[in-house]
Amino acid sequence: MSRPCRADAPSVPLCTRLSPAERVRVAQAAKANHQTPSQFARDALVTAADDCLESPSPSIRTTKLSGGLTL
């Protein structure tokens, strides 16, 4: 069975560096959601992008840093 089309254009890979601990965490979350790590990461990235772009103040963006700090 083929995957459903997500957009009009074919998908392209996106490389993201993760520490071993981050990779394990993503794999655990994906498994809990009955997804592959790629499916989980894609959904999380698209959701985060939508949330960021739909914020009421588009000129101010926040990014979480390790340790819980926010820019």
N, C-alpha and C. Protein backbone atom coordinates (compact mmCIF):
# COMPACT_ATOMS: atom_id res chain seq x y z
N MET A 1 0.85 -1.17 0.00
CA MET A 1 0.00 0.00 0.00
C MET A 1 0.90 1.24 0.00
N SER A 2 0.60 2.20 -0.84
CA SER A 2 1.42 3.42 -0.92
C SER A 2 0.93 4.46 0.08
N ARG A 3 1.85 5.37 0.44
CA ARG A 3 1.51 6.45 1.38
C ARG A 3 0.59 7.46 0.72
N PRO A 4 -0.29 8.09 1.50
CA PRO A 4 -1.13 9.15 0.92
C PRO A 4 -0.27 10.36 0.56
N CYS A 5 -0.69 11.08 -0.46
CA CYS A 5 0.02 12.27 -0.91
C CYS A 5 -0.14 13.37 0.13
N ARG A 6 0.98 14.02 0.51
CA ARG A 6 0.93 15.08 1.52
C ARG A 6 0.90 16.47 0.90
N ALA A 7 1.26 16.57 -0.36
CA ALA A 7 1.30 17.87 -1.01
C ALA A 7 1.26 17.64 -2.52
N ASP A 8 1.19 18.73 -3.26
CA ASP A 8 1.16 18.62 -4.70
C ASP A 8 2.50 18.15 -5.27
N ALA A 9 3.60 18.49 -4.60
CA ALA A 9 4.93 18.12 -5.08
C ALA A 9 5.44 16.92 -4.30
N PRO A 10 6.37 16.17 -4.88
CA PRO A 10 6.95 15.04 -4.14
C PRO A 10 7.72 15.52 -2.91
N SER A 11 7.78 14.69 -1.90
CA SER A 11 8.51 15.09 -0.70
C SER A 11 10.01 14.99 -0.92
N VAL A 12 10.75 15.75 -0.14
CA VAL A 12 12.22 15.73 -0.20
C VAL A 12 12.74 15.55 1.22
N PRO A 13 13.88 14.88 1.38
CA PRO A 13 14.40 14.63 2.72
C PRO A 13 14.90 15.90 3.40
N LEU A 14 14.84 15.91 4.72
CA LEU A 14 15.35 17.00 5.54
C LEU A 14 16.23 16.36 6.61
N CYS A 15 17.49 16.73 6.63
CA CYS A 15 18.42 16.18 7.64
C CYS A 15 18.33 16.99 8.91
N THR A 16 18.23 16.30 10.03
CA THR A 16 18.20 16.95 11.34
C THR A 16 19.14 16.17 12.25
N ARG A 17 20.02 16.88 12.92
CA ARG A 17 20.96 16.23 13.84
C ARG A 17 20.30 16.10 15.21
N LEU A 18 20.38 14.90 15.76
CA LEU A 18 19.88 14.62 17.09
C LEU A 18 20.96 13.91 17.90
N SER A 19 21.01 14.21 19.17
CA SER A 19 21.92 13.47 20.04
C SER A 19 21.34 12.06 20.20
N PRO A 20 22.15 11.12 20.67
CA PRO A 20 21.60 9.77 20.90
C PRO A 20 20.40 9.78 21.86
N ALA A 21 20.46 10.61 22.90
CA ALA A 21 19.35 10.69 23.85
C ALA A 21 18.09 11.26 23.18
N GLU A 22 18.26 12.28 22.35
CA GLU A 22 17.12 12.87 21.63
C GLU A 22 16.52 11.86 20.67
N ARG A 23 17.37 11.11 20.01
CA ARG A 23 16.90 10.11 19.04
C ARG A 23 16.07 9.02 19.74
N VAL A 24 16.54 8.59 20.91
CA VAL A 24 15.79 7.60 21.69
C VAL A 24 14.44 8.18 22.10
N ARG A 25 14.44 9.43 22.54
CA ARG A 25 13.19 10.09 22.98
C ARG A 25 12.19 10.18 21.83
N VAL A 26 12.67 10.56 20.65
CA VAL A 26 11.79 10.64 19.47
C VAL A 26 11.25 9.25 19.12
N ALA A 27 12.11 8.25 19.17
CA ALA A 27 11.67 6.88 18.86
C ALA A 27 10.61 6.41 19.87
N GLN A 28 10.78 6.74 21.15
CA GLN A 28 9.79 6.37 22.16
C GLN A 28 8.45 7.06 21.91
N ALA A 29 8.51 8.35 21.59
CA ALA A 29 7.28 9.10 21.32
C ALA A 29 6.59 8.57 20.07
N ALA A 30 7.37 8.25 19.05
CA ALA A 30 6.80 7.71 17.82
C ALA A 30 6.10 6.37 18.09
N LYS A 31 6.76 5.53 18.86
CA LYS A 31 6.17 4.22 19.19
C LYS A 31 4.88 4.38 19.97
N ALA A 32 4.86 5.33 20.92
CA ALA A 32 3.66 5.59 21.71
C ALA A 32 2.50 6.06 20.84
N ASN A 33 2.82 6.72 19.72
CA ASN A 33 1.80 7.22 18.79
C ASN A 33 1.56 6.29 17.61
N HIS A 34 2.16 5.09 17.66
CA HIS A 34 2.02 4.11 16.57
C HIS A 34 2.46 4.70 15.23
N GLN A 35 3.62 5.38 15.27
CA GLN A 35 4.20 5.99 14.08
C GLN A 35 5.66 5.58 13.97
N THR A 36 6.21 5.78 12.78
CA THR A 36 7.65 5.65 12.63
C THR A 36 8.27 6.96 13.14
N PRO A 37 9.57 6.94 13.47
CA PRO A 37 10.20 8.20 13.86
C PRO A 37 10.07 9.28 12.78
N SER A 38 10.16 8.89 11.52
CA SER A 38 10.01 9.89 10.44
C SER A 38 8.62 10.49 10.42
N GLN A 39 7.59 9.66 10.57
CA GLN A 39 6.22 10.18 10.59
C GLN A 39 6.01 11.11 11.78
N PHE A 40 6.52 10.69 12.94
CA PHE A 40 6.38 11.52 14.14
C PHE A 40 7.09 12.86 13.96
N ALA A 41 8.33 12.82 13.46
CA ALA A 41 9.10 14.05 13.27
C ALA A 41 8.42 14.97 12.27
N ARG A 42 7.94 14.41 11.17
CA ARG A 42 7.26 15.23 10.16
C ARG A 42 6.03 15.91 10.75
N ASP A 43 5.20 15.14 11.47
CA ASP A 43 4.01 15.72 12.08
C ASP A 43 4.37 16.79 13.10
N ALA A 44 5.41 16.54 13.92
CA ALA A 44 5.82 17.51 14.93
C ALA A 44 6.35 18.79 14.29
N LEU A 45 7.16 18.65 13.24
CA LEU A 45 7.71 19.82 12.56
C LEU A 45 6.61 20.66 11.91
N VAL A 46 5.70 20.01 11.23
CA VAL A 46 4.62 20.75 10.54
C VAL A 46 3.71 21.42 11.57
N THR A 47 3.41 20.72 12.66
CA THR A 47 2.58 21.32 13.71
C THR A 47 3.27 22.52 14.34
N ALA A 48 4.57 22.39 14.64
CA ALA A 48 5.32 23.51 15.22
C ALA A 48 5.37 24.69 14.25
N ALA A 49 5.56 24.42 12.96
CA ALA A 49 5.59 25.50 11.97
C ALA A 49 4.24 26.20 11.89
N ASP A 50 3.16 25.42 11.89
CA ASP A 50 1.81 26.01 11.86
C ASP A 50 1.57 26.87 13.10
N ASP A 51 1.95 26.35 14.27
CA ASP A 51 1.76 27.11 15.51
C ASP A 51 2.55 28.42 15.47
N CYS A 52 3.77 28.35 14.99
CA CYS A 52 4.63 29.53 14.92
C CYS A 52 4.04 30.58 13.97
N LEU A 53 3.60 30.14 12.81
CA LEU A 53 3.10 31.07 11.80
C LEU A 53 1.71 31.61 12.12
N GLU A 54 0.95 30.90 12.97
CA GLU A 54 -0.39 31.35 13.33
C GLU A 54 -0.39 32.19 14.60
N SER A 55 0.79 32.43 15.18
CA SER A 55 0.84 33.20 16.43
C SER A 55 0.32 34.62 16.18
N PRO A 56 -0.28 35.26 17.20
CA PRO A 56 -0.86 36.59 17.01
C PRO A 56 0.17 37.69 16.72
N SER A 57 1.43 37.46 17.08
CA SER A 57 2.46 38.46 16.85
C SER A 57 3.54 37.87 15.95
N PRO A 58 3.35 37.93 14.61
CA PRO A 58 4.28 37.26 13.71
C PRO A 58 5.70 37.81 13.74
N SER A 59 5.91 39.01 14.28
CA SER A 59 7.27 39.56 14.30
C SER A 59 8.09 38.99 15.46
N ILE A 60 7.45 38.33 16.42
CA ILE A 60 8.15 37.75 17.56
C ILE A 60 8.03 36.24 17.51
N ARG A 61 9.16 35.57 17.43
CA ARG A 61 9.20 34.11 17.41
C ARG A 61 9.92 33.63 18.66
N THR A 62 9.46 32.55 19.24
CA THR A 62 10.16 31.98 20.38
C THR A 62 10.73 30.63 19.99
N THR A 63 11.88 30.32 20.54
CA THR A 63 12.53 29.04 20.32
C THR A 63 13.01 28.52 21.65
N LYS A 64 12.65 27.29 21.97
CA LYS A 64 13.11 26.69 23.22
C LYS A 64 14.54 26.22 23.04
N LEU A 65 15.36 26.52 24.02
CA LEU A 65 16.74 26.06 24.04
C LEU A 65 16.85 24.91 25.04
N SER A 66 17.93 24.15 24.95
CA SER A 66 18.13 23.10 25.93
C SER A 66 18.20 23.72 27.31
N GLY A 67 17.67 23.03 28.28
CA GLY A 67 17.63 23.58 29.64
C GLY A 67 16.37 24.37 29.90
N GLY A 68 15.45 24.41 28.92
CA GLY A 68 14.19 25.08 29.11
C GLY A 68 14.20 26.58 28.91
N LEU A 69 15.34 27.15 28.46
CA LEU A 69 15.40 28.59 28.21
C LEU A 69 14.63 28.91 26.93
N THR A 70 14.04 30.07 26.88
CA THR A 70 13.30 30.50 25.69
C THR A 70 13.87 31.81 25.19
N LEU A 71 14.04 31.89 23.87
CA LEU A 71 14.48 33.14 23.24
C LEU A 71 13.28 33.98 22.86
